[in-house]
Each structure stands twice: as structure tokens, then as C-alpha cells.
Amino acid sequence: DTFLFTSKRLVVINIQGVSGRRVEYLSIPYSKITKFSVEAAGHFELEAELKIWIGSDSAPLTKKFNTDVNIYDLQKVLAKHLIK
């Protein structure tokens, strides 16, 4: 998965399947993100999880990340775009 932060929206690119032939693009305007959370057990944790609630949806968009992504840097970027 790839997260692209533009000036007006978050674009989530999800490559699906083994062959990578199917790609899902999810475009989320920052104004529609109502809250988000980050869960990580600590520096030695192999996975971290990001949850984003969009509009009035009760179920969040959930993405898991491995150690290749610094979840705290991702949180800072997302917070920067949401807090104005």
C-alpha cells in the first residue's frame, strides 16, 4: 500500500492480488476524515496499525504497517493536514 498526501486529500493506493494487476485507488478529502488513531506496542513491535474514520462511517479504514514505515512520521503528516 502507498499513502500519498496531497494538499487537499489523502490517496491510498492498494495493490491487490499476487500478480499486482488489480490496483485500488481511494481518494479521501481531509475534510471528510473525522478522526484517526495509531497503535504500536513500541520500538520492537514488528507491526503498527493506522485507523482512519471517514465521514459518519462507524467502521474505520484500517491499515497495518511493518517496520519499513515509521508510523509516528505518518501520524505527524496526517495530523498536519487535519489540524488547521
N, C-alpha and C. Protein backbone atom coordinates (compact mmCIF):
# COMPACT_ATOMS: atom_id res chain seq x y z
N ASP A 1 0.84 -1.19 0.00
CA ASP A 1 0.00 0.00 0.00
C ASP A 1 0.87 1.24 0.00
N THR A 2 0.35 2.27 -0.62
CA THR A 2 1.04 3.55 -0.66
C THR A 2 0.07 4.64 -0.21
N PHE A 3 0.55 5.56 0.60
CA PHE A 3 -0.23 6.71 1.01
C PHE A 3 0.38 7.94 0.36
N LEU A 4 -0.43 8.69 -0.37
CA LEU A 4 0.01 9.94 -0.98
C LEU A 4 -0.73 11.08 -0.31
N PHE A 5 0.02 12.02 0.24
CA PHE A 5 -0.57 13.17 0.89
C PHE A 5 -0.47 14.35 -0.07
N THR A 6 -1.61 14.80 -0.57
CA THR A 6 -1.63 15.97 -1.43
C THR A 6 -2.06 17.17 -0.58
N SER A 7 -2.20 18.30 -1.19
CA SER A 7 -2.60 19.49 -0.44
C SER A 7 -4.07 19.42 -0.01
N LYS A 8 -4.90 18.58 -0.66
CA LYS A 8 -6.33 18.55 -0.36
C LYS A 8 -6.87 17.19 0.04
N ARG A 9 -6.09 16.12 -0.16
CA ARG A 9 -6.64 14.80 0.10
C ARG A 9 -5.55 13.78 0.37
N LEU A 10 -5.99 12.68 0.92
CA LEU A 10 -5.14 11.51 1.12
C LEU A 10 -5.55 10.50 0.06
N VAL A 11 -4.59 10.00 -0.69
CA VAL A 11 -4.86 8.97 -1.70
C VAL A 11 -4.18 7.69 -1.23
N VAL A 12 -5.00 6.64 -1.08
CA VAL A 12 -4.50 5.34 -0.66
C VAL A 12 -4.48 4.44 -1.89
N ILE A 13 -3.31 3.91 -2.22
CA ILE A 13 -3.16 3.02 -3.37
C ILE A 13 -2.91 1.63 -2.83
N ASN A 14 -3.80 0.71 -3.18
CA ASN A 14 -3.73 -0.65 -2.67
C ASN A 14 -3.57 -1.61 -3.85
N ILE A 15 -2.42 -2.26 -3.93
CA ILE A 15 -2.17 -3.25 -4.98
C ILE A 15 -2.69 -4.58 -4.48
N GLN A 16 -3.58 -5.19 -5.26
CA GLN A 16 -4.26 -6.41 -4.82
C GLN A 16 -3.81 -7.60 -5.64
N GLY A 17 -3.82 -8.75 -5.00
CA GLY A 17 -3.52 -9.99 -5.69
C GLY A 17 -2.03 -10.25 -5.79
N VAL A 18 -1.70 -11.47 -6.12
CA VAL A 18 -0.31 -11.90 -6.23
C VAL A 18 0.37 -11.25 -7.43
N SER A 19 -0.36 -11.13 -8.52
CA SER A 19 0.23 -10.59 -9.75
C SER A 19 0.35 -9.07 -9.72
N GLY A 20 -0.41 -8.42 -8.85
CA GLY A 20 -0.38 -6.96 -8.77
C GLY A 20 -1.08 -6.28 -9.92
N ARG A 21 -1.93 -7.02 -10.61
CA ARG A 21 -2.64 -6.44 -11.75
C ARG A 21 -3.82 -5.58 -11.34
N ARG A 22 -4.37 -5.85 -10.17
CA ARG A 22 -5.50 -5.07 -9.70
C ARG A 22 -5.00 -4.01 -8.73
N VAL A 23 -5.39 -2.78 -8.98
CA VAL A 23 -4.98 -1.68 -8.12
C VAL A 23 -6.23 -0.90 -7.72
N GLU A 24 -6.36 -0.65 -6.41
CA GLU A 24 -7.47 0.15 -5.90
C GLU A 24 -6.93 1.51 -5.50
N TYR A 25 -7.62 2.57 -5.92
CA TYR A 25 -7.28 3.93 -5.55
C TYR A 25 -8.42 4.48 -4.69
N LEU A 26 -8.09 4.92 -3.49
CA LEU A 26 -9.09 5.51 -2.61
C LEU A 26 -8.68 6.95 -2.33
N SER A 27 -9.54 7.88 -2.72
CA SER A 27 -9.27 9.30 -2.55
C SER A 27 -10.14 9.83 -1.42
N ILE A 28 -9.49 10.34 -0.37
CA ILE A 28 -10.20 10.80 0.82
C ILE A 28 -9.88 12.28 1.05
N PRO A 29 -10.85 13.17 0.87
CA PRO A 29 -10.60 14.57 1.21
C PRO A 29 -10.35 14.70 2.71
N TYR A 30 -9.38 15.52 3.09
CA TYR A 30 -9.06 15.69 4.51
C TYR A 30 -10.28 16.15 5.30
N SER A 31 -11.15 16.92 4.68
CA SER A 31 -12.34 17.42 5.38
C SER A 31 -13.30 16.31 5.77
N LYS A 32 -13.19 15.14 5.17
CA LYS A 32 -14.07 14.01 5.48
C LYS A 32 -13.49 13.07 6.54
N ILE A 33 -12.23 13.26 6.91
CA ILE A 33 -11.63 12.44 7.96
C ILE A 33 -12.03 13.03 9.30
N THR A 34 -12.76 12.23 10.09
CA THR A 34 -13.27 12.75 11.36
C THR A 34 -12.31 12.48 12.52
N LYS A 35 -11.56 11.37 12.44
CA LYS A 35 -10.56 11.07 13.47
C LYS A 35 -9.65 9.97 12.96
N PHE A 36 -8.53 9.80 13.66
CA PHE A 36 -7.62 8.71 13.32
C PHE A 36 -6.91 8.25 14.57
N SER A 37 -6.40 7.03 14.52
CA SER A 37 -5.63 6.51 15.65
C SER A 37 -4.46 5.70 15.13
N VAL A 38 -3.42 5.66 15.95
CA VAL A 38 -2.22 4.89 15.65
C VAL A 38 -1.99 3.95 16.82
N GLU A 39 -1.73 2.69 16.50
CA GLU A 39 -1.45 1.71 17.55
C GLU A 39 -0.14 1.01 17.26
N ALA A 40 0.78 1.11 18.19
CA ALA A 40 2.07 0.43 18.10
C ALA A 40 2.51 0.08 19.52
N ALA A 41 3.06 -1.10 19.67
CA ALA A 41 3.44 -1.55 21.02
C ALA A 41 4.76 -0.94 21.48
N GLY A 42 5.58 -0.48 20.57
CA GLY A 42 6.86 0.10 20.96
C GLY A 42 7.87 -0.06 19.85
N HIS A 43 9.11 0.23 20.17
CA HIS A 43 10.16 0.23 19.15
C HIS A 43 10.46 -1.15 18.60
N PHE A 44 10.18 -2.20 19.36
CA PHE A 44 10.50 -3.54 18.91
C PHE A 44 9.31 -4.24 18.26
N GLU A 45 8.19 -3.57 18.19
CA GLU A 45 7.00 -4.14 17.57
C GLU A 45 7.20 -4.23 16.06
N LEU A 46 6.82 -5.36 15.48
CA LEU A 46 7.01 -5.56 14.05
C LEU A 46 5.91 -4.92 13.22
N GLU A 47 4.75 -4.70 13.81
CA GLU A 47 3.65 -4.11 13.08
C GLU A 47 3.07 -2.92 13.84
N ALA A 48 2.53 -2.00 13.08
CA ALA A 48 1.78 -0.88 13.64
C ALA A 48 0.50 -0.78 12.84
N GLU A 49 -0.50 -0.15 13.42
CA GLU A 49 -1.80 -0.08 12.76
C GLU A 49 -2.30 1.35 12.76
N LEU A 50 -2.84 1.77 11.63
CA LEU A 50 -3.45 3.09 11.48
C LEU A 50 -4.92 2.88 11.20
N LYS A 51 -5.77 3.61 11.92
CA LYS A 51 -7.21 3.58 11.68
C LYS A 51 -7.65 5.00 11.34
N ILE A 52 -8.45 5.11 10.29
CA ILE A 52 -8.98 6.41 9.86
C ILE A 52 -10.49 6.29 9.74
N TRP A 53 -11.21 7.18 10.44
CA TRP A 53 -12.66 7.21 10.33
C TRP A 53 -13.04 8.28 9.32
N ILE A 54 -13.89 7.90 8.38
CA ILE A 54 -14.27 8.79 7.28
C ILE A 54 -15.76 9.10 7.39
N GLY A 55 -16.07 10.39 7.43
CA GLY A 55 -17.47 10.82 7.50
C GLY A 55 -18.20 10.21 8.67
N SER A 56 -19.39 9.70 8.43
CA SER A 56 -20.20 9.11 9.51
C SER A 56 -20.05 7.59 9.57
N ASP A 57 -19.10 7.03 8.82
CA ASP A 57 -18.88 5.58 8.88
C ASP A 57 -18.46 5.18 10.28
N SER A 58 -19.09 4.13 10.80
CA SER A 58 -18.73 3.67 12.15
C SER A 58 -17.49 2.78 12.12
N ALA A 59 -17.24 2.13 10.99
CA ALA A 59 -16.07 1.26 10.86
C ALA A 59 -14.93 2.05 10.22
N PRO A 60 -13.74 1.99 10.81
CA PRO A 60 -12.61 2.75 10.24
C PRO A 60 -11.95 2.02 9.08
N LEU A 61 -11.25 2.79 8.27
CA LEU A 61 -10.32 2.24 7.28
C LEU A 61 -9.09 1.84 8.09
N THR A 62 -8.68 0.58 8.03
CA THR A 62 -7.58 0.08 8.83
C THR A 62 -6.46 -0.41 7.94
N LYS A 63 -5.25 0.05 8.24
CA LYS A 63 -4.06 -0.39 7.50
C LYS A 63 -2.98 -0.79 8.49
N LYS A 64 -2.35 -1.91 8.21
CA LYS A 64 -1.23 -2.37 9.03
C LYS A 64 0.07 -2.08 8.29
N PHE A 65 1.08 -1.70 9.06
CA PHE A 65 2.38 -1.36 8.51
C PHE A 65 3.46 -2.17 9.20
N ASN A 66 4.50 -2.51 8.46
CA ASN A 66 5.65 -3.19 9.06
C ASN A 66 6.68 -2.14 9.44
N THR A 67 7.85 -2.56 9.80
CA THR A 67 8.88 -1.64 10.27
C THR A 67 9.47 -0.76 9.18
N ASP A 68 9.13 -1.02 7.92
CA ASP A 68 9.61 -0.17 6.83
C ASP A 68 8.99 1.23 6.88
N VAL A 69 7.86 1.36 7.57
CA VAL A 69 7.16 2.64 7.67
C VAL A 69 7.24 3.12 9.11
N ASN A 70 7.68 4.36 9.28
CA ASN A 70 7.68 4.97 10.61
C ASN A 70 6.28 5.51 10.87
N ILE A 71 5.52 4.78 11.66
CA ILE A 71 4.12 5.13 11.90
C ILE A 71 3.98 6.49 12.57
N TYR A 72 4.97 6.89 13.35
CA TYR A 72 4.91 8.19 14.02
C TYR A 72 5.11 9.34 13.03
N ASP A 73 5.96 9.15 12.04
CA ASP A 73 6.09 10.16 10.99
C ASP A 73 4.81 10.26 10.17
N LEU A 74 4.20 9.12 9.88
CA LEU A 74 2.93 9.10 9.17
C LEU A 74 1.85 9.83 9.96
N GLN A 75 1.83 9.62 11.26
CA GLN A 75 0.87 10.30 12.13
C GLN A 75 1.08 11.81 12.09
N LYS A 76 2.31 12.27 12.12
CA LYS A 76 2.60 13.70 12.08
C LYS A 76 2.12 14.34 10.79
N VAL A 77 2.35 13.66 9.68
CA VAL A 77 1.92 14.20 8.38
C VAL A 77 0.40 14.28 8.32
N LEU A 78 -0.27 13.22 8.77
CA LEU A 78 -1.72 13.22 8.76
C LEU A 78 -2.28 14.31 9.68
N ALA A 79 -1.73 14.44 10.86
CA ALA A 79 -2.19 15.47 11.79
C ALA A 79 -1.97 16.87 11.23
N LYS A 80 -0.87 17.07 10.55
CA LYS A 80 -0.57 18.38 9.95
C LYS A 80 -1.65 18.79 8.95
N HIS A 81 -2.14 17.83 8.19
CA HIS A 81 -3.16 18.13 7.18
C HIS A 81 -4.56 18.28 7.79
N LEU A 82 -4.79 17.65 8.93
CA LEU A 82 -6.13 17.69 9.52
C LEU A 82 -6.33 18.86 10.46
N ILE A 83 -5.28 19.27 11.16
CA ILE A 83 -5.39 20.35 12.13
C ILE A 83 -5.07 21.67 11.44
N LYS A 84 -6.04 22.53 11.42
CA LYS A 84 -5.85 23.83 10.76
C LYS A 84 -6.28 24.94 11.65
